[in-house]
Amino acid sequence: MVTRKIELDDEASEILDSIATAYGGDPNLALSEMLRAHETIESFLDEFEANHRDELAAQKEQAERDFREGRFASWEEVKRRNRL
């Protein structure tokens, strides 16, 4: 077991306390589980992206083409047009 001192802002501390309730109120266990989950999610996303690389690239190219051809507007353009 490794001990570390970390500083959290108020909002992050409240979130950790909230999650800790699912772990018997133990913020150490909650944080450890969140870090493990993060690693699992990252691995899943890497695998997903690798398995769907061609499809994702085609979707990206289509979106870029649609922007170039004026079928879509950026959020900045929408705000400008509507004086937001």
PDB file of N, CA and C in Angstrom:
ATOM      1  N   MET A   1       0.849  -1.166   0.000  1.00  0.00           N
ATOM      2  CA  MET A   1       0.000   0.000   0.000  1.00  0.00           C
ATOM      3  C   MET A   1       0.899   1.235   0.000  1.00  0.00           C
ATOM      4  N   VAL A   2       0.509   2.230  -0.776  1.00  0.00           N
ATOM      5  CA  VAL A   2       1.247   3.478  -0.887  1.00  0.00           C
ATOM      6  C   VAL A   2       0.379   4.593  -0.313  1.00  0.00           C
ATOM      7  N   THR A   3       0.994   5.471   0.453  1.00  0.00           N
ATOM      8  CA  THR A   3       0.276   6.614   0.994  1.00  0.00           C
ATOM      9  C   THR A   3       0.704   7.856   0.236  1.00  0.00           C
ATOM     10  N   ARG A   4      -0.294   8.639  -0.221  1.00  0.00           N
ATOM     11  CA  ARG A   4      -0.027   9.879  -0.926  1.00  0.00           C
ATOM     12  C   ARG A   4      -0.898  10.972  -0.337  1.00  0.00           C
ATOM     13  N   LYS A   5      -0.372  12.158  -0.331  1.00  0.00           N
ATOM     14  CA  LYS A   5      -1.166  13.306   0.078  1.00  0.00           C
ATOM     15  C   LYS A   5      -1.569  14.040  -1.197  1.00  0.00           C
ATOM     16  N   ILE A   6      -2.880  14.235  -1.368  1.00  0.00           N
ATOM     17  CA  ILE A   6      -3.364  14.956  -2.542  1.00  0.00           C
ATOM     18  C   ILE A   6      -4.259  16.100  -2.082  1.00  0.00           C
ATOM     19  N   GLU A   7      -4.332  17.123  -2.894  1.00  0.00           N
ATOM     20  CA  GLU A   7      -5.200  18.249  -2.599  1.00  0.00           C
ATOM     21  C   GLU A   7      -6.318  18.269  -3.623  1.00  0.00           C
ATOM     22  N   LEU A   8      -7.554  18.424  -3.138  1.00  0.00           N
ATOM     23  CA  LEU A   8      -8.715  18.511  -4.012  1.00  0.00           C
ATOM     24  C   LEU A   8      -9.411  19.845  -3.797  1.00  0.00           C
ATOM     25  N   ASP A   9      -9.996  20.367  -4.865  1.00  0.00           N
ATOM     26  CA  ASP A   9     -10.815  21.554  -4.663  1.00  0.00           C
ATOM     27  C   ASP A   9     -12.122  21.121  -3.994  1.00  0.00           C
ATOM     28  N   ASP A  10     -12.916  22.078  -3.581  1.00  0.00           N
ATOM     29  CA  ASP A  10     -14.132  21.767  -2.836  1.00  0.00           C
ATOM     30  C   ASP A  10     -15.080  20.873  -3.627  1.00  0.00           C
ATOM     31  N   GLU A  11     -15.254  21.169  -4.906  1.00  0.00           N
ATOM     32  CA  GLU A  11     -16.177  20.381  -5.724  1.00  0.00           C
ATOM     33  C   GLU A  11     -15.706  18.936  -5.855  1.00  0.00           C
ATOM     34  N   ALA A  12     -14.419  18.734  -6.138  1.00  0.00           N
ATOM     35  CA  ALA A  12     -13.885  17.381  -6.266  1.00  0.00           C
ATOM     36  C   ALA A  12     -13.989  16.625  -4.946  1.00  0.00           C
ATOM     37  N   SER A  13     -13.768  17.309  -3.853  1.00  0.00           N
ATOM     38  CA  SER A  13     -13.874  16.680  -2.537  1.00  0.00           C
ATOM     39  C   SER A  13     -15.305  16.214  -2.272  1.00  0.00           C
ATOM     40  N   GLU A  14     -16.279  17.037  -2.645  1.00  0.00           N
ATOM     41  CA  GLU A  14     -17.679  16.657  -2.467  1.00  0.00           C
ATOM     42  C   GLU A  14     -18.036  15.449  -3.332  1.00  0.00           C
ATOM     43  N   ILE A  15     -17.519  15.432  -4.556  1.00  0.00           N
ATOM     44  CA  ILE A  15     -17.775  14.303  -5.447  1.00  0.00           C
ATOM     45  C   ILE A  15     -17.176  13.028  -4.859  1.00  0.00           C
ATOM     46  N   LEU A  16     -15.942  13.117  -4.383  1.00  0.00           N
ATOM     47  CA  LEU A  16     -15.301  11.953  -3.777  1.00  0.00           C
ATOM     48  C   LEU A  16     -16.088  11.469  -2.568  1.00  0.00           C
ATOM     49  N   ASP A  17     -16.531  12.376  -1.723  1.00  0.00           N
ATOM     50  CA  ASP A  17     -17.328  11.992  -0.555  1.00  0.00           C
ATOM     51  C   ASP A  17     -18.608  11.293  -0.979  1.00  0.00           C
ATOM     52  N   SER A  18     -19.228  11.789  -2.029  1.00  0.00           N
ATOM     53  CA  SER A  18     -20.461  11.187  -2.527  1.00  0.00           C
ATOM     54  C   SER A  18     -20.214   9.770  -3.037  1.00  0.00           C
ATOM     55  N   ILE A  19     -19.155   9.600  -3.800  1.00  0.00           N
ATOM     56  CA  ILE A  19     -18.825   8.269  -4.333  1.00  0.00           C
ATOM     57  C   ILE A  19     -18.423   7.328  -3.207  1.00  0.00           C
ATOM     58  N   ALA A  20     -17.751   7.862  -2.212  1.00  0.00           N
ATOM     59  CA  ALA A  20     -17.268   7.041  -1.092  1.00  0.00           C
ATOM     60  C   ALA A  20     -18.409   6.358  -0.345  1.00  0.00           C
ATOM     61  N   THR A  21     -19.607   6.941  -0.397  1.00  0.00           N
ATOM     62  CA  THR A  21     -20.730   6.306   0.308  1.00  0.00           C
ATOM     63  C   THR A  21     -20.994   4.906  -0.229  1.00  0.00           C
ATOM     64  N   ALA A  22     -20.716   4.688  -1.507  1.00  0.00           N
ATOM     65  CA  ALA A  22     -20.890   3.357  -2.100  1.00  0.00           C
ATOM     66  C   ALA A  22     -19.798   2.386  -1.654  1.00  0.00           C
ATOM     67  N   TYR A  23     -18.771   2.898  -1.013  1.00  0.00           N
ATOM     68  CA  TYR A  23     -17.651   2.082  -0.543  1.00  0.00           C
ATOM     69  C   TYR A  23     -17.541   2.172   0.970  1.00  0.00           C
ATOM     70  N   GLY A  24     -18.679   2.168   1.623  1.00  0.00           N
ATOM     71  CA  GLY A  24     -18.707   2.207   3.082  1.00  0.00           C
ATOM     72  C   GLY A  24     -18.156   3.492   3.663  1.00  0.00           C
ATOM     73  N   GLY A  25     -18.187   4.565   2.885  1.00  0.00           N
ATOM     74  CA  GLY A  25     -17.685   5.850   3.358  1.00  0.00           C
ATOM     75  C   GLY A  25     -16.174   5.993   3.276  1.00  0.00           C
ATOM     76  N   ASP A  26     -15.514   5.038   2.643  1.00  0.00           N
ATOM     77  CA  ASP A  26     -14.048   5.044   2.565  1.00  0.00           C
ATOM     78  C   ASP A  26     -13.577   5.745   1.294  1.00  0.00           C
ATOM     79  N   PRO A  27     -13.117   6.999   1.389  1.00  0.00           N
ATOM     80  CA  PRO A  27     -12.675   7.706   0.186  1.00  0.00           C
ATOM     81  C   PRO A  27     -11.427   7.083  -0.443  1.00  0.00           C
ATOM     82  N   ASN A  28     -10.592   6.444   0.357  1.00  0.00           N
ATOM     83  CA  ASN A  28      -9.401   5.788  -0.193  1.00  0.00           C
ATOM     84  C   ASN A  28      -9.792   4.655  -1.127  1.00  0.00           C
ATOM     85  N   LEU A  29     -10.738   3.830  -0.690  1.00  0.00           N
ATOM     86  CA  LEU A  29     -11.203   2.722  -1.515  1.00  0.00           C
ATOM     87  C   LEU A  29     -11.919   3.252  -2.751  1.00  0.00           C
ATOM     88  N   ALA A  30     -12.736   4.288  -2.581  1.00  0.00           N
ATOM     89  CA  ALA A  30     -13.455   4.868  -3.711  1.00  0.00           C
ATOM     90  C   ALA A  30     -12.480   5.388  -4.767  1.00  0.00           C
ATOM     91  N   LEU A  31     -11.461   6.100  -4.350  1.00  0.00           N
ATOM     92  CA  LEU A  31     -10.478   6.639  -5.284  1.00  0.00           C
ATOM     93  C   LEU A  31      -9.707   5.525  -5.979  1.00  0.00           C
ATOM     94  N   SER A  32      -9.317   4.502  -5.243  1.00  0.00           N
ATOM     95  CA  SER A  32      -8.618   3.362  -5.851  1.00  0.00           C
ATOM     96  C   SER A  32      -9.475   2.697  -6.920  1.00  0.00           C
ATOM     97  N   GLU A  33     -10.758   2.503  -6.621  1.00  0.00           N
ATOM     98  CA  GLU A  33     -11.661   1.887  -7.589  1.00  0.00           C
ATOM     99  C   GLU A  33     -11.887   2.778  -8.808  1.00  0.00           C
ATOM    100  N   MET A  34     -11.984   4.085  -8.597  1.00  0.00           N
ATOM    101  CA  MET A  34     -12.149   5.002  -9.727  1.00  0.00           C
ATOM    102  C   MET A  34     -10.928   4.956 -10.645  1.00  0.00           C
ATOM    103  N   LEU A  35      -9.743   4.883 -10.069  1.00  0.00           N
ATOM    104  CA  LEU A  35      -8.527   4.822 -10.881  1.00  0.00           C
ATOM    105  C   LEU A  35      -8.466   3.524 -11.673  1.00  0.00           C
ATOM    106  N   ARG A  36      -8.852   2.422 -11.058  1.00  0.00           N
ATOM    107  CA  ARG A  36      -8.892   1.140 -11.772  1.00  0.00           C
ATOM    108  C   ARG A  36      -9.919   1.196 -12.904  1.00  0.00           C
ATOM    109  N   ALA A  37     -11.079   1.785 -12.627  1.00  0.00           N
ATOM    110  CA  ALA A  37     -12.126   1.901 -13.649  1.00  0.00           C
ATOM    111  C   ALA A  37     -11.629   2.758 -14.812  1.00  0.00           C
ATOM    112  N   HIS A  38     -10.922   3.824 -14.496  1.00  0.00           N
ATOM    113  CA  HIS A  38     -10.385   4.692 -15.545  1.00  0.00           C
ATOM    114  C   HIS A  38      -9.471   3.891 -16.472  1.00  0.00           C
ATOM    115  N   GLU A  39      -8.612   3.090 -15.906  1.00  0.00           N
ATOM    116  CA  GLU A  39      -7.686   2.281 -16.704  1.00  0.00           C
ATOM    117  C   GLU A  39      -8.453   1.298 -17.586  1.00  0.00           C
ATOM    118  N   THR A  40      -9.494   0.684 -17.032  1.00  0.00           N
ATOM    119  CA  THR A  40     -10.314  -0.260 -17.790  1.00  0.00           C
ATOM    120  C   THR A  40     -11.011   0.447 -18.948  1.00  0.00           C
ATOM    121  N   ILE A  41     -11.557   1.620 -18.691  1.00  0.00           N
ATOM    122  CA  ILE A  41     -12.252   2.394 -19.727  1.00  0.00           C
ATOM    123  C   ILE A  41     -11.267   2.796 -20.821  1.00  0.00           C
ATOM    124  N   GLU A  42     -10.093   3.263 -20.436  1.00  0.00           N
ATOM    125  CA  GLU A  42      -9.084   3.651 -21.429  1.00  0.00           C
ATOM    126  C   GLU A  42      -8.709   2.465 -22.311  1.00  0.00           C
ATOM    127  N   SER A  43      -8.525   1.297 -21.715  1.00  0.00           N
ATOM    128  CA  SER A  43      -8.180   0.098 -22.486  1.00  0.00           C
ATOM    129  C   SER A  43      -9.302  -0.260 -23.452  1.00  0.00           C
ATOM    130  N   PHE A  44     -10.554  -0.181 -22.972  1.00  0.00           N
ATOM    131  CA  PHE A  44     -11.701  -0.472 -23.825  1.00  0.00           C
ATOM    132  C   PHE A  44     -11.747   0.490 -25.008  1.00  0.00           C
ATOM    133  N   LEU A  45     -11.558   1.779 -24.745  1.00  0.00           N
ATOM    134  CA  LEU A  45     -11.604   2.769 -25.821  1.00  0.00           C
ATOM    135  C   LEU A  45     -10.483   2.549 -26.837  1.00  0.00           C
ATOM    136  N   ASP A  46      -9.292   2.227 -26.359  1.00  0.00           N
ATOM    137  CA  ASP A  46      -8.184   1.949 -27.277  1.00  0.00           C
ATOM    138  C   ASP A  46      -8.520   0.765 -28.177  1.00  0.00           C
ATOM    139  N   GLU A  47      -9.085  -0.290 -27.600  1.00  0.00           N
ATOM    140  CA  GLU A  47      -9.454  -1.480 -28.365  1.00  0.00           C
ATOM    141  C   GLU A  47     -10.575  -1.146 -29.356  1.00  0.00           C
ATOM    142  N   PHE A  48     -11.568  -0.400 -28.894  1.00  0.00           N
ATOM    143  CA  PHE A  48     -12.684  -0.014 -29.759  1.00  0.00           C
ATOM    144  C   PHE A  48     -12.182   0.793 -30.953  1.00  0.00           C
ATOM    145  N   GLU A  49     -11.339   1.793 -30.679  1.00  0.00           N
ATOM    146  CA  GLU A  49     -10.811   2.625 -31.755  1.00  0.00           C
ATOM    147  C   GLU A  49      -9.996   1.798 -32.748  1.00  0.00           C
ATOM    148  N   ALA A  50      -9.228   0.858 -32.249  1.00  0.00           N
ATOM    149  CA  ALA A  50      -8.429   0.013 -33.140  1.00  0.00           C
ATOM    150  C   ALA A  50      -9.330  -0.866 -34.006  1.00  0.00           C
ATOM    151  N   ASN A  51     -10.383  -1.411 -33.420  1.00  0.00           N
ATOM    152  CA  ASN A  51     -11.288  -2.298 -34.150  1.00  0.00           C
ATOM    153  C   ASN A  51     -12.171  -1.559 -35.149  1.00  0.00           C
ATOM    154  N   HIS A  52     -12.367  -0.266 -34.947  1.00  0.00           N
ATOM    155  CA  HIS A  52     -13.268   0.509 -35.801  1.00  0.00           C
ATOM    156  C   HIS A  52     -12.563   1.681 -36.478  1.00  0.00           C
ATOM    157  N   ARG A  53     -11.265   1.567 -36.628  1.00  0.00           N
ATOM    158  CA  ARG A  53     -10.445   2.650 -37.177  1.00  0.00           C
ATOM    159  C   ARG A  53     -10.951   3.151 -38.528  1.00  0.00           C
ATOM    160  N   ASP A  54     -11.248   2.235 -39.443  1.00  0.00           N
ATOM    161  CA  ASP A  54     -11.665   2.640 -40.784  1.00  0.00           C
ATOM    162  C   ASP A  54     -13.005   3.376 -40.749  1.00  0.00           C
ATOM    163  N   GLU A  55     -13.957   2.846 -39.994  1.00  0.00           N
ATOM    164  CA  GLU A  55     -15.270   3.479 -39.894  1.00  0.00           C
ATOM    165  C   GLU A  55     -15.171   4.861 -39.245  1.00  0.00           C
ATOM    166  N   LEU A  56     -14.383   4.978 -38.184  1.00  0.00           N
ATOM    167  CA  LEU A  56     -14.215   6.268 -37.522  1.00  0.00           C
ATOM    168  C   LEU A  56     -13.545   7.283 -38.440  1.00  0.00           C
ATOM    169  N   ALA A  57     -12.557   6.830 -39.206  1.00  0.00           N
ATOM    170  CA  ALA A  57     -11.881   7.729 -40.150  1.00  0.00           C
ATOM    171  C   ALA A  57     -12.852   8.200 -41.228  1.00  0.00           C
ATOM    172  N   ALA A  58     -13.723   7.301 -41.706  1.00  0.00           N
ATOM    173  CA  ALA A  58     -14.703   7.677 -42.727  1.00  0.00           C
ATOM    174  C   ALA A  58     -15.701   8.692 -42.162  1.00  0.00           C
ATOM    175  N   GLN A  59     -16.134   8.490 -40.932  1.00  0.00           N
ATOM    176  CA  GLN A  59     -17.063   9.436 -40.304  1.00  0.00           C
ATOM    177  C   GLN A  59     -16.416  10.805 -40.142  1.00  0.00           C
ATOM    178  N   LYS A  60     -15.155  10.819 -39.750  1.00  0.00           N
ATOM    179  CA  LYS A  60     -14.443  12.085 -39.580  1.00  0.00           C
ATOM    180  C   LYS A  60     -14.312  12.801 -40.912  1.00  0.00           C
ATOM    181  N   GLU A  61     -13.947  12.060 -41.940  1.00  0.00           N
ATOM    182  CA  GLU A  61     -13.790  12.657 -43.266  1.00  0.00           C
ATOM    183  C   GLU A  61     -15.127  13.204 -43.767  1.00  0.00           C
ATOM    184  N   GLN A  62     -16.210  12.484 -43.552  1.00  0.00           N
ATOM    185  CA  GLN A  62     -17.532  12.951 -43.974  1.00  0.00           C
ATOM    186  C   GLN A  62     -17.904  14.250 -43.260  1.00  0.00           C
ATOM    187  N   ALA A  63     -17.664  14.305 -41.959  1.00  0.00           N
ATOM    188  CA  ALA A  63     -17.975  15.517 -41.194  1.00  0.00           C
ATOM    189  C   ALA A  63     -17.143  16.693 -41.690  1.00  0.00           C
ATOM    190  N   GLU A  64     -15.852  16.462 -41.941  1.00  0.00           N
ATOM    191  CA  GLU A  64     -14.987  17.536 -42.436  1.00  0.00           C
ATOM    192  C   GLU A  64     -15.449  18.005 -43.815  1.00  0.00           C
ATOM    193  N   ARG A  65     -15.853  17.064 -44.664  1.00  0.00           N
ATOM    194  CA  ARG A  65     -16.345  17.413 -45.996  1.00  0.00           C
ATOM    195  C   ARG A  65     -17.641  18.236 -45.887  1.00  0.00           C
ATOM    196  N   ASP A  66     -18.533  17.831 -44.985  1.00  0.00           N
ATOM    197  CA  ASP A  66     -19.784  18.566 -44.788  1.00  0.00           C
ATOM    198  C   ASP A  66     -19.522  20.002 -44.342  1.00  0.00           C
ATOM    199  N   PHE A  67     -18.535  20.191 -43.459  1.00  0.00           N
ATOM    200  CA  PHE A  67     -18.189  21.552 -43.039  1.00  0.00           C
ATOM    201  C   PHE A  67     -17.617  22.345 -44.207  1.00  0.00           C
ATOM    202  N   ARG A  68     -16.698  21.726 -44.949  1.00  0.00           N
ATOM    203  CA  ARG A  68     -16.083  22.421 -46.085  1.00  0.00           C
ATOM    204  C   ARG A  68     -17.129  22.836 -47.120  1.00  0.00           C
ATOM    205  N   GLU A  69     -18.133  21.983 -47.301  1.00  0.00           N
ATOM    206  CA  GLU A  69     -19.147  22.238 -48.324  1.00  0.00           C
ATOM    207  C   GLU A  69     -20.322  23.054 -47.788  1.00  0.00           C
ATOM    208  N   GLY A  70     -20.203  23.521 -46.540  1.00  0.00           N
ATOM    209  CA  GLY A  70     -21.195  24.431 -45.995  1.00  0.00           C
ATOM    210  C   GLY A  70     -22.479  23.807 -45.483  1.00  0.00           C
ATOM    211  N   ARG A  71     -22.503  22.496 -45.310  1.00  0.00           N
ATOM    212  CA  ARG A  71     -23.721  21.849 -44.817  1.00  0.00           C
ATOM    213  C   ARG A  71     -23.878  21.986 -43.309  1.00  0.00           C
ATOM    214  N   PHE A  72     -22.807  22.323 -42.621  1.00  0.00           N
ATOM    215  CA  PHE A  72     -22.840  22.510 -41.176  1.00  0.00           C
ATOM    216  C   PHE A  72     -22.163  23.830 -40.836  1.00  0.00           C
ATOM    217  N   ALA A  73     -22.526  24.365 -39.672  1.00  0.00           N
ATOM    218  CA  ALA A  73     -21.881  25.585 -39.181  1.00  0.00           C
ATOM    219  C   ALA A  73     -21.265  25.289 -37.821  1.00  0.00           C
ATOM    220  N   SER A  74     -20.161  25.933 -37.542  1.00  0.00           N
ATOM    221  CA  SER A  74     -19.534  25.779 -36.227  1.00  0.00           C
ATOM    222  C   SER A  74     -20.394  26.469 -35.172  1.00  0.00           C
ATOM    223  N   TRP A  75     -20.193  26.116 -33.928  1.00  0.00           N
ATOM    224  CA  TRP A  75     -20.929  26.757 -32.840  1.00  0.00           C
ATOM    225  C   TRP A  75     -20.657  28.255 -32.829  1.00  0.00           C
ATOM    226  N   GLU A  76     -19.430  28.646 -33.095  1.00  0.00           N
ATOM    227  CA  GLU A  76     -19.086  30.065 -33.149  1.00  0.00           C
ATOM    228  C   GLU A  76     -19.898  30.772 -34.237  1.00  0.00           C
ATOM    229  N   GLU A  77     -20.073  30.134 -35.380  1.00  0.00           N
ATOM    230  CA  GLU A  77     -20.856  30.714 -36.467  1.00  0.00           C
ATOM    231  C   GLU A  77     -22.333  30.811 -36.085  1.00  0.00           C
ATOM    232  N   VAL A  78     -22.867  29.796 -35.438  1.00  0.00           N
ATOM    233  CA  VAL A  78     -24.262  29.819 -34.983  1.00  0.00           C
ATOM    234  C   VAL A  78     -24.474  30.987 -34.027  1.00  0.00           C
ATOM    235  N   LYS A  79     -23.548  31.149 -33.077  1.00  0.00           N
ATOM    236  CA  LYS A  79     -23.665  32.249 -32.112  1.00  0.00           C
ATOM    237  C   LYS A  79     -23.583  33.603 -32.828  1.00  0.00           C
ATOM    238  N   ARG A  80     -22.677  33.724 -33.792  1.00  0.00           N
ATOM    239  CA  ARG A  80     -22.531  34.986 -34.521  1.00  0.00           C
ATOM    240  C   ARG A  80     -23.804  35.301 -35.281  1.00  0.00           C
ATOM    241  N   ARG A  81     -24.349  34.318 -35.975  1.00  0.00           N
ATOM    242  CA  ARG A  81     -25.568  34.539 -36.762  1.00  0.00           C
ATOM    243  C   ARG A  81     -26.750  34.953 -35.887  1.00  0.00           C
ATOM    244  N   ASN A  82     -26.800  34.439 -34.686  1.00  0.00           N
ATOM    245  CA  ASN A  82     -27.918  34.700 -33.792  1.00  0.00           C
ATOM    246  C   ASN A  82     -27.612  35.762 -32.739  1.00  0.00           C
ATOM    247  N   ARG A  83     -26.484  36.426 -32.923  1.00  0.00           N
ATOM    248  CA  ARG A  83     -26.048  37.493 -32.037  1.00  0.00           C
ATOM    249  C   ARG A  83     -26.043  37.066 -30.569  1.00  0.00           C
ATOM    250  N   LEU A  84     -25.478  35.892 -30.324  1.00  0.00           N
ATOM    251  CA  LEU A  84     -25.384  35.373 -28.960  1.00  0.00           C
ATOM    252  C   LEU A  84     -24.033  35.690 -28.344  1.00  0.00           C
TER     253      LEU A  84
END
